[in-house]
Amino acid sequence: MKNISGFKRLRYCATVVVLLIGVAGLSVAQTRRTPTARPAPSLLNTLPASDAVALVRLKRALDEAMPKLLAGNPAKLTEVNSQIEHFKVRTGLDLRAFDELALGFRYTHPADGVTKIHTVGIARGSFNPAAIVAAGRATANGKYVEEKYQGRSVHVFTLDQQLRLFGLLDVHVSELAVAPLDSNTLALGNLESVRRAIDASRGIRRGNAELIALATKDANALLGFGGNVTPILIQNLRIGNDAIATDLASVRQMYGSFGTTEKDLEILLAARTVSPNSARSLSDTIEGLKQFGALFVNQLSARKGTLARSALSNLKITTLGNELQIRTAVAQADVAPLIGGF
């Protein structure tokens, strides 16, 4: 491990964790773990070629996990339901009617030092095409258009607003394109991404098999993800420390899952590096988080401090060859009061 001070190690740890979480997003997940992988869900196979993929079992997350997690925070649960209804009114899409959501992420670098992530979603469930059209016409005034691409209808909504996704995450959405792929599958994203999803639905080669295998290692997870880490992606993070940048440059892929047991919220994050030595170096750095994290935990509010101490106490770091795995768990009772309040 390179000679890095305690505080720099802690900052490096945070960078590694942010990198691993960034592609995934936020969800609550699984019931029981299974040690062996199962065949990849077919919905992920419908995505266009991607740099990272994720699968959310949306219905279970919204109908089972979210109410359980927010049982002690009824006001927040009401807000979540309100935002879901608001999205339905604006777009004609009822998120609760979808069973699964597959997400594909593609990186572009339009300028030196700039990385943009383009996202497309494929949702499986029930939807009413007429409701989509009706919602679009209701917005009118140039904020909704319908076009044809490869023989399919594409509905484009100009939202240009900050949406509170599920009542939890602030996301700015300027344009949302929606296109039915078949009677129970829908593509969502910006217009370019949806067009790529339509192309993929027509059998154009995708090449996501390795990422899908990573994202589905835990067949019971409500959210699983897998992604590639490219040198230019690391470079554009502008770490500002050569030693840290060199270590991060050894990461080639990442995967993980989010989940809930009866009482806990569980997280698995994993990084595949170029060599076993690189994995051990990352392991040493994450161990620094456990050693020095208490210095920062004491500066947090009581509720956040409780959550952070629990996460650090339960943090387990292992290396398997060139792979680093990080697992932790926190009590759902500690998480619920803080949702939407970070």
Foldseek 3Di string as FASTA:
>chain_A
DDDDDLVVLQVLLVVVVCVQCVVFDDFAKFADFDQFFDDFDCQQLLAAAAQKKKKAQQLCRLVPVPCVLQVVPVVLQVLLVVLQVVVCLQAVDRSNQWGMKMKGWHWDAPDQLDIDIFIKIKTFGAGDPVSRVVSQVVVDPPQWDWDDDPRWIKIKGQDQDFGCNSSFRTDGDGMWIWTDQDRGMIMIGHPVSVNSSNVSSVPDDHPCVVFSRQQRRGVRISMKMKGFDALSNLVSVPPVDPVSSVLVSQFTMKMWGWYDYPWKTKIKIKTAGNWQVSQVVSLVSNVSCLVPVVVVLVVDDPLSSQQVVQFSVQWDWDDDTRMIMIMGIDTSVSVNVCRNPD
